[in-house]
N, C-alpha and C. Protein backbone atom coordinates (compact mmCIF):
# COMPACT_ATOMS: atom_id res chain seq x y z
N UNK A 1 112.06 74.46 43.51
CA UNK A 1 111.67 73.17 42.96
C UNK A 1 110.17 73.00 43.12
N UNK A 2 109.55 72.46 42.07
CA UNK A 2 108.12 72.20 42.13
C UNK A 2 107.89 70.70 42.27
N UNK A 3 106.92 70.34 43.07
CA UNK A 3 106.66 68.94 43.38
C UNK A 3 105.25 68.56 42.98
N UNK A 4 105.12 67.37 42.43
CA UNK A 4 103.83 66.85 42.00
C UNK A 4 103.65 65.45 42.56
N UNK A 5 102.71 65.30 43.47
CA UNK A 5 102.45 64.00 44.08
C UNK A 5 101.35 63.28 43.32
N UNK A 6 101.47 61.95 43.27
CA UNK A 6 100.45 61.14 42.60
C UNK A 6 100.44 59.75 43.21
N UNK A 7 99.43 58.98 42.85
CA UNK A 7 99.39 57.59 43.26
C UNK A 7 98.43 57.26 44.38
N UNK A 8 97.76 58.23 44.93
CA UNK A 8 96.82 57.94 45.99
C UNK A 8 95.61 57.19 45.48
N UNK A 9 94.78 56.74 46.40
CA UNK A 9 93.59 56.03 46.01
C UNK A 9 93.00 55.28 47.17
N UNK A 10 92.21 54.28 46.83
CA UNK A 10 91.52 53.48 47.84
C UNK A 10 92.15 52.10 47.91
N UNK A 11 92.39 51.63 49.12
CA UNK A 11 92.94 50.30 49.33
C UNK A 11 92.25 49.66 50.53
N UNK A 12 92.27 48.36 50.55
CA UNK A 12 91.75 47.65 51.71
C UNK A 12 92.84 47.48 52.75
N UNK A 13 92.45 47.31 53.97
CA UNK A 13 93.43 47.07 55.03
C UNK A 13 94.26 45.84 54.67
N UNK A 14 95.56 45.98 54.84
CA UNK A 14 96.47 44.91 54.48
C UNK A 14 97.01 45.03 53.07
N UNK A 15 96.42 45.94 52.30
CA UNK A 15 96.83 46.13 50.92
C UNK A 15 98.00 47.09 50.78
N UNK A 16 98.26 47.47 49.52
CA UNK A 16 99.41 48.31 49.22
C UNK A 16 99.03 49.41 48.25
N UNK A 17 99.77 50.50 48.36
CA UNK A 17 99.70 51.60 47.41
C UNK A 17 101.10 52.16 47.24
N UNK A 18 101.33 52.77 46.09
CA UNK A 18 102.62 53.41 45.84
C UNK A 18 102.40 54.85 45.45
N UNK A 19 102.99 55.75 46.21
CA UNK A 19 102.92 57.17 45.92
C UNK A 19 104.19 57.60 45.21
N UNK A 20 104.06 58.58 44.33
CA UNK A 20 105.21 59.14 43.64
C UNK A 20 105.22 60.65 43.79
N UNK A 21 106.41 61.20 43.83
CA UNK A 21 106.59 62.64 43.93
C UNK A 21 107.60 63.05 42.87
N UNK A 22 107.12 63.73 41.83
CA UNK A 22 107.98 64.16 40.74
C UNK A 22 108.41 65.60 40.95
N UNK A 23 109.70 65.85 40.77
CA UNK A 23 110.24 67.19 40.98
C UNK A 23 110.60 67.83 39.65
N UNK A 24 110.40 69.14 39.57
CA UNK A 24 110.80 69.88 38.38
C UNK A 24 111.33 71.24 38.82
N UNK A 25 112.00 71.94 37.92
CA UNK A 25 112.55 73.23 38.25
C UNK A 25 114.01 73.12 38.65
N UNK A 26 114.57 74.21 39.17
CA UNK A 26 115.98 74.21 39.52
C UNK A 26 116.22 73.41 40.79
N UNK A 27 117.49 73.11 41.08
CA UNK A 27 117.88 72.34 42.25
C UNK A 27 117.17 71.00 42.31
N UNK A 28 117.16 70.33 41.17
CA UNK A 28 116.41 69.08 41.11
C UNK A 28 116.93 68.04 42.10
N UNK A 29 118.26 68.06 42.37
CA UNK A 29 118.79 66.98 43.19
C UNK A 29 119.34 67.43 44.54
N UNK A 30 119.57 68.72 44.71
CA UNK A 30 120.27 69.17 45.91
C UNK A 30 119.32 69.37 47.07
N UNK A 31 118.53 68.35 47.37
CA UNK A 31 117.58 68.50 48.45
C UNK A 31 117.20 67.14 49.03
N UNK A 32 116.64 67.20 50.20
CA UNK A 32 116.07 66.03 50.84
C UNK A 32 114.57 66.03 50.52
N UNK A 33 114.00 64.87 50.35
CA UNK A 33 112.58 64.77 50.02
C UNK A 33 111.87 63.99 51.10
N UNK A 34 110.71 64.45 51.44
CA UNK A 34 109.96 63.78 52.49
C UNK A 34 108.49 63.64 52.16
N UNK A 35 107.84 62.81 52.95
CA UNK A 35 106.39 62.62 52.87
C UNK A 35 105.78 62.94 54.23
N UNK A 36 104.69 63.64 54.18
CA UNK A 36 103.90 63.93 55.37
C UNK A 36 102.46 63.50 55.08
N UNK A 37 101.67 63.43 56.11
CA UNK A 37 100.26 63.13 55.92
C UNK A 37 99.42 63.92 56.92
N UNK A 38 98.18 64.15 56.52
CA UNK A 38 97.27 64.89 57.38
C UNK A 38 95.89 64.26 57.31
N UNK A 39 95.46 63.73 58.43
CA UNK A 39 94.13 63.15 58.54
C UNK A 39 93.15 64.24 58.96
N UNK A 40 91.87 64.05 58.68
CA UNK A 40 90.88 65.07 59.04
C UNK A 40 90.93 65.40 60.53
N UNK A 41 90.99 66.68 60.83
CA UNK A 41 91.00 67.12 62.21
C UNK A 41 92.31 66.96 62.93
N UNK A 42 93.34 66.53 62.22
CA UNK A 42 94.65 66.32 62.85
C UNK A 42 95.71 67.19 62.19
N UNK A 43 96.81 67.34 62.89
CA UNK A 43 97.92 68.12 62.34
C UNK A 43 98.68 67.27 61.31
N UNK A 44 99.36 67.98 60.43
CA UNK A 44 100.20 67.29 59.46
C UNK A 44 101.36 66.63 60.19
N UNK A 45 101.64 65.38 59.85
CA UNK A 45 102.69 64.65 60.55
C UNK A 45 103.70 64.04 59.58
N UNK A 46 104.89 63.91 60.07
CA UNK A 46 105.99 63.35 59.31
C UNK A 46 105.76 61.86 59.07
N UNK A 47 106.10 61.41 57.85
CA UNK A 47 105.99 59.99 57.51
C UNK A 47 107.36 59.40 57.20
N UNK A 48 108.07 60.01 56.26
CA UNK A 48 109.37 59.47 55.86
C UNK A 48 110.15 60.55 55.13
N UNK A 49 111.47 60.38 55.10
CA UNK A 49 112.33 61.31 54.38
C UNK A 49 113.54 60.56 53.86
N UNK A 50 114.06 61.05 52.75
CA UNK A 50 115.24 60.44 52.13
C UNK A 50 116.19 61.55 51.72
N UNK A 51 117.46 61.32 51.94
CA UNK A 51 118.46 62.33 51.64
C UNK A 51 118.73 62.42 50.14
N UNK A 52 119.57 63.36 49.80
CA UNK A 52 119.88 63.67 48.42
C UNK A 52 120.25 62.45 47.59
N UNK A 53 121.11 61.61 48.11
CA UNK A 53 121.55 60.42 47.38
C UNK A 53 121.01 59.13 47.98
N UNK A 54 120.05 59.25 48.86
CA UNK A 54 119.43 58.06 49.42
C UNK A 54 120.23 57.38 50.50
N UNK A 55 121.26 58.04 51.01
CA UNK A 55 122.11 57.42 52.02
C UNK A 55 121.55 57.54 53.43
N UNK A 56 120.64 58.44 53.61
CA UNK A 56 120.01 58.63 54.91
C UNK A 56 118.50 58.59 54.74
N UNK A 57 117.86 57.70 55.49
CA UNK A 57 116.41 57.52 55.40
C UNK A 57 115.84 57.54 56.81
N UNK A 58 114.73 58.21 56.94
CA UNK A 58 114.05 58.29 58.23
C UNK A 58 112.59 57.90 58.07
N UNK A 59 112.05 57.27 59.08
CA UNK A 59 110.64 56.89 59.08
C UNK A 59 110.00 57.25 60.41
N UNK A 60 108.73 57.58 60.36
CA UNK A 60 107.98 57.70 61.59
C UNK A 60 107.78 56.30 62.16
N UNK A 61 107.71 56.20 63.47
CA UNK A 61 107.54 54.89 64.11
C UNK A 61 106.28 54.19 63.63
N UNK A 62 105.26 54.96 63.32
CA UNK A 62 103.97 54.39 62.94
C UNK A 62 104.00 53.68 61.59
N UNK A 63 105.00 53.96 60.77
CA UNK A 63 105.06 53.34 59.44
C UNK A 63 106.30 52.47 59.25
N UNK A 64 107.18 52.47 60.22
CA UNK A 64 108.42 51.73 60.09
C UNK A 64 108.12 50.24 59.90
N UNK A 65 108.77 49.65 58.90
CA UNK A 65 108.54 48.24 58.61
C UNK A 65 107.40 48.00 57.63
N UNK A 66 106.62 49.03 57.35
CA UNK A 66 105.49 48.88 56.41
C UNK A 66 105.67 49.76 55.18
N UNK A 67 106.27 50.92 55.35
CA UNK A 67 106.47 51.86 54.25
C UNK A 67 107.94 51.89 53.87
N UNK A 68 108.19 52.10 52.57
CA UNK A 68 109.55 52.21 52.08
C UNK A 68 109.65 53.42 51.17
N UNK A 69 110.58 54.30 51.49
CA UNK A 69 110.83 55.46 50.64
C UNK A 69 112.06 55.19 49.78
N UNK A 70 112.00 55.61 48.53
CA UNK A 70 113.13 55.40 47.63
C UNK A 70 113.23 56.58 46.67
N UNK A 71 114.40 56.70 46.07
CA UNK A 71 114.66 57.87 45.24
C UNK A 71 115.20 57.43 43.89
N UNK A 72 114.66 57.98 42.82
CA UNK A 72 115.13 57.74 41.45
C UNK A 72 115.60 59.08 40.90
N UNK A 73 116.88 59.38 41.11
CA UNK A 73 117.40 60.69 40.70
C UNK A 73 117.42 60.86 39.19
N UNK A 74 117.54 59.78 38.46
CA UNK A 74 117.55 59.88 37.00
C UNK A 74 116.23 60.46 36.48
N UNK A 75 115.15 60.18 37.21
CA UNK A 75 113.84 60.67 36.81
C UNK A 75 113.28 61.71 37.78
N UNK A 76 114.14 62.17 38.68
CA UNK A 76 113.74 63.22 39.64
C UNK A 76 112.44 62.84 40.36
N UNK A 77 112.38 61.61 40.81
CA UNK A 77 111.16 61.11 41.44
C UNK A 77 111.49 60.39 42.75
N UNK A 78 110.64 60.58 43.72
CA UNK A 78 110.73 59.86 44.98
C UNK A 78 109.44 59.06 45.15
N UNK A 79 109.59 57.81 45.56
CA UNK A 79 108.44 56.94 45.74
C UNK A 79 108.23 56.62 47.21
N UNK A 80 107.00 56.38 47.56
CA UNK A 80 106.67 55.87 48.89
C UNK A 80 105.82 54.62 48.69
N UNK A 81 106.45 53.47 48.90
CA UNK A 81 105.74 52.20 48.80
C UNK A 81 105.10 51.91 50.15
N UNK A 82 103.78 51.81 50.15
CA UNK A 82 103.05 51.61 51.40
C UNK A 82 102.44 50.21 51.37
N UNK A 83 102.81 49.39 52.34
CA UNK A 83 102.33 48.02 52.43
C UNK A 83 101.67 47.80 53.78
N UNK A 84 100.93 46.72 53.86
CA UNK A 84 100.22 46.38 55.11
C UNK A 84 99.47 47.60 55.64
N UNK A 85 98.75 48.20 54.75
CA UNK A 85 98.04 49.42 55.10
C UNK A 85 96.99 49.19 56.18
N UNK A 86 96.79 50.21 56.99
CA UNK A 86 95.81 50.17 58.06
C UNK A 86 94.83 51.32 57.86
N UNK A 87 93.63 51.20 58.39
CA UNK A 87 92.67 52.31 58.28
C UNK A 87 93.23 53.62 58.82
N UNK A 88 94.06 53.55 59.84
CA UNK A 88 94.63 54.78 60.40
C UNK A 88 95.67 55.43 59.49
N UNK A 89 96.02 54.78 58.38
CA UNK A 89 96.88 55.42 57.39
C UNK A 89 96.10 56.35 56.47
N UNK A 90 94.79 56.34 56.60
CA UNK A 90 93.96 57.22 55.78
C UNK A 90 94.29 58.68 56.06
N UNK A 91 94.62 59.40 55.00
CA UNK A 91 95.01 60.80 55.13
C UNK A 91 95.29 61.37 53.74
N UNK A 92 95.47 62.66 53.70
CA UNK A 92 96.04 63.29 52.51
C UNK A 92 97.56 63.27 52.68
N UNK A 93 98.24 62.75 51.69
CA UNK A 93 99.69 62.63 51.74
C UNK A 93 100.32 63.74 50.89
N UNK A 94 101.34 64.38 51.48
CA UNK A 94 102.04 65.47 50.81
C UNK A 94 103.52 65.13 50.70
N UNK A 95 104.11 65.48 49.56
CA UNK A 95 105.56 65.39 49.48
C UNK A 95 106.15 66.79 49.64
N UNK A 96 107.37 66.83 50.10
CA UNK A 96 108.02 68.10 50.39
C UNK A 96 109.51 67.98 50.13
N UNK A 97 110.14 69.13 49.92
CA UNK A 97 111.58 69.17 49.67
C UNK A 97 112.24 70.16 50.61
N UNK A 98 113.42 69.78 51.08
CA UNK A 98 114.18 70.62 52.00
C UNK A 98 115.61 70.75 51.50
N UNK A 99 116.08 71.98 51.36
CA UNK A 99 117.47 72.20 50.95
C UNK A 99 118.36 72.51 52.14
N UNK A 100 117.77 72.76 53.29
CA UNK A 100 118.57 73.03 54.48
C UNK A 100 118.85 71.72 55.20
N UNK A 101 119.47 71.82 56.36
CA UNK A 101 119.79 70.62 57.15
C UNK A 101 118.95 70.53 58.41
N UNK A 102 117.77 71.08 58.37
CA UNK A 102 116.92 71.10 59.55
C UNK A 102 116.35 69.73 59.89
N UNK A 103 115.74 69.65 61.06
CA UNK A 103 115.11 68.42 61.52
C UNK A 103 113.94 68.08 60.61
N UNK A 104 113.97 66.89 60.05
CA UNK A 104 112.96 66.50 59.06
C UNK A 104 111.57 66.32 59.66
N UNK A 105 111.49 66.14 60.96
CA UNK A 105 110.21 65.86 61.59
C UNK A 105 109.31 67.10 61.68
N UNK A 106 109.87 68.27 61.50
CA UNK A 106 109.10 69.49 61.69
C UNK A 106 108.69 70.09 60.35
N UNK A 107 107.42 70.30 60.14
CA UNK A 107 106.91 70.82 58.87
C UNK A 107 107.52 72.17 58.51
N UNK A 108 107.79 72.99 59.51
CA UNK A 108 108.30 74.34 59.23
C UNK A 108 109.68 74.35 58.61
N UNK A 109 110.39 73.22 58.65
CA UNK A 109 111.73 73.16 58.07
C UNK A 109 111.73 72.83 56.58
N UNK A 110 110.56 72.49 56.06
CA UNK A 110 110.47 72.10 54.65
C UNK A 110 110.06 73.29 53.80
N UNK A 111 110.86 73.61 52.79
CA UNK A 111 110.66 74.84 52.02
C UNK A 111 109.63 74.71 50.90
N UNK A 112 109.54 73.53 50.33
CA UNK A 112 108.66 73.36 49.18
C UNK A 112 107.70 72.20 49.40
N UNK A 113 106.47 72.40 48.99
CA UNK A 113 105.43 71.40 49.17
C UNK A 113 104.69 71.14 47.87
N UNK A 114 104.35 69.88 47.66
CA UNK A 114 103.49 69.55 46.55
C UNK A 114 102.04 69.55 47.00
N UNK A 115 101.16 69.35 46.06
CA UNK A 115 99.75 69.25 46.44
C UNK A 115 99.54 67.86 47.05
N UNK A 116 98.49 67.69 47.77
CA UNK A 116 98.27 66.41 48.43
C UNK A 116 97.62 65.39 47.53
N UNK A 117 97.76 64.12 47.92
CA UNK A 117 97.07 63.04 47.24
C UNK A 117 96.38 62.21 48.32
N UNK A 118 95.11 61.91 48.08
CA UNK A 118 94.31 61.23 49.10
C UNK A 118 94.57 59.74 49.11
N UNK A 119 94.78 59.22 50.31
CA UNK A 119 94.90 57.78 50.52
C UNK A 119 93.79 57.37 51.49
N UNK A 120 92.97 56.43 51.08
CA UNK A 120 91.89 55.94 51.93
C UNK A 120 92.02 54.44 52.08
N UNK A 121 92.06 53.99 53.33
CA UNK A 121 92.20 52.57 53.60
C UNK A 121 90.94 52.10 54.32
N UNK A 122 90.25 51.15 53.71
CA UNK A 122 89.02 50.64 54.29
C UNK A 122 89.31 49.39 55.12
N UNK A 123 88.51 49.22 56.15
CA UNK A 123 88.72 48.07 57.04
C UNK A 123 87.97 46.85 56.56
């Protein structure tokens, strides 16, 4: 499966942005989709993940209550609605797909990655 992330940009603290991850290729639906982010000088970290049919959702503690992940299987797209943004949310955001049942928090368990999209939050 190929992934294409979009929707990044510049926002002020307290504002909102919506990221999208469009999937193409085979196995369009038989996978879990997640979002990670990587700030300059830091390791890539887990943000959120959603299961194949949206019945299981996970969030990092740092974004819980502010970010919402959702899935539109009809359009093979996963969205990450980011609200109440903080300067520390500034990072390159990546979407990823996993067909196995591994722990979503670990980057090595994700088989497919999209290109990143930059999110910058000004104070």
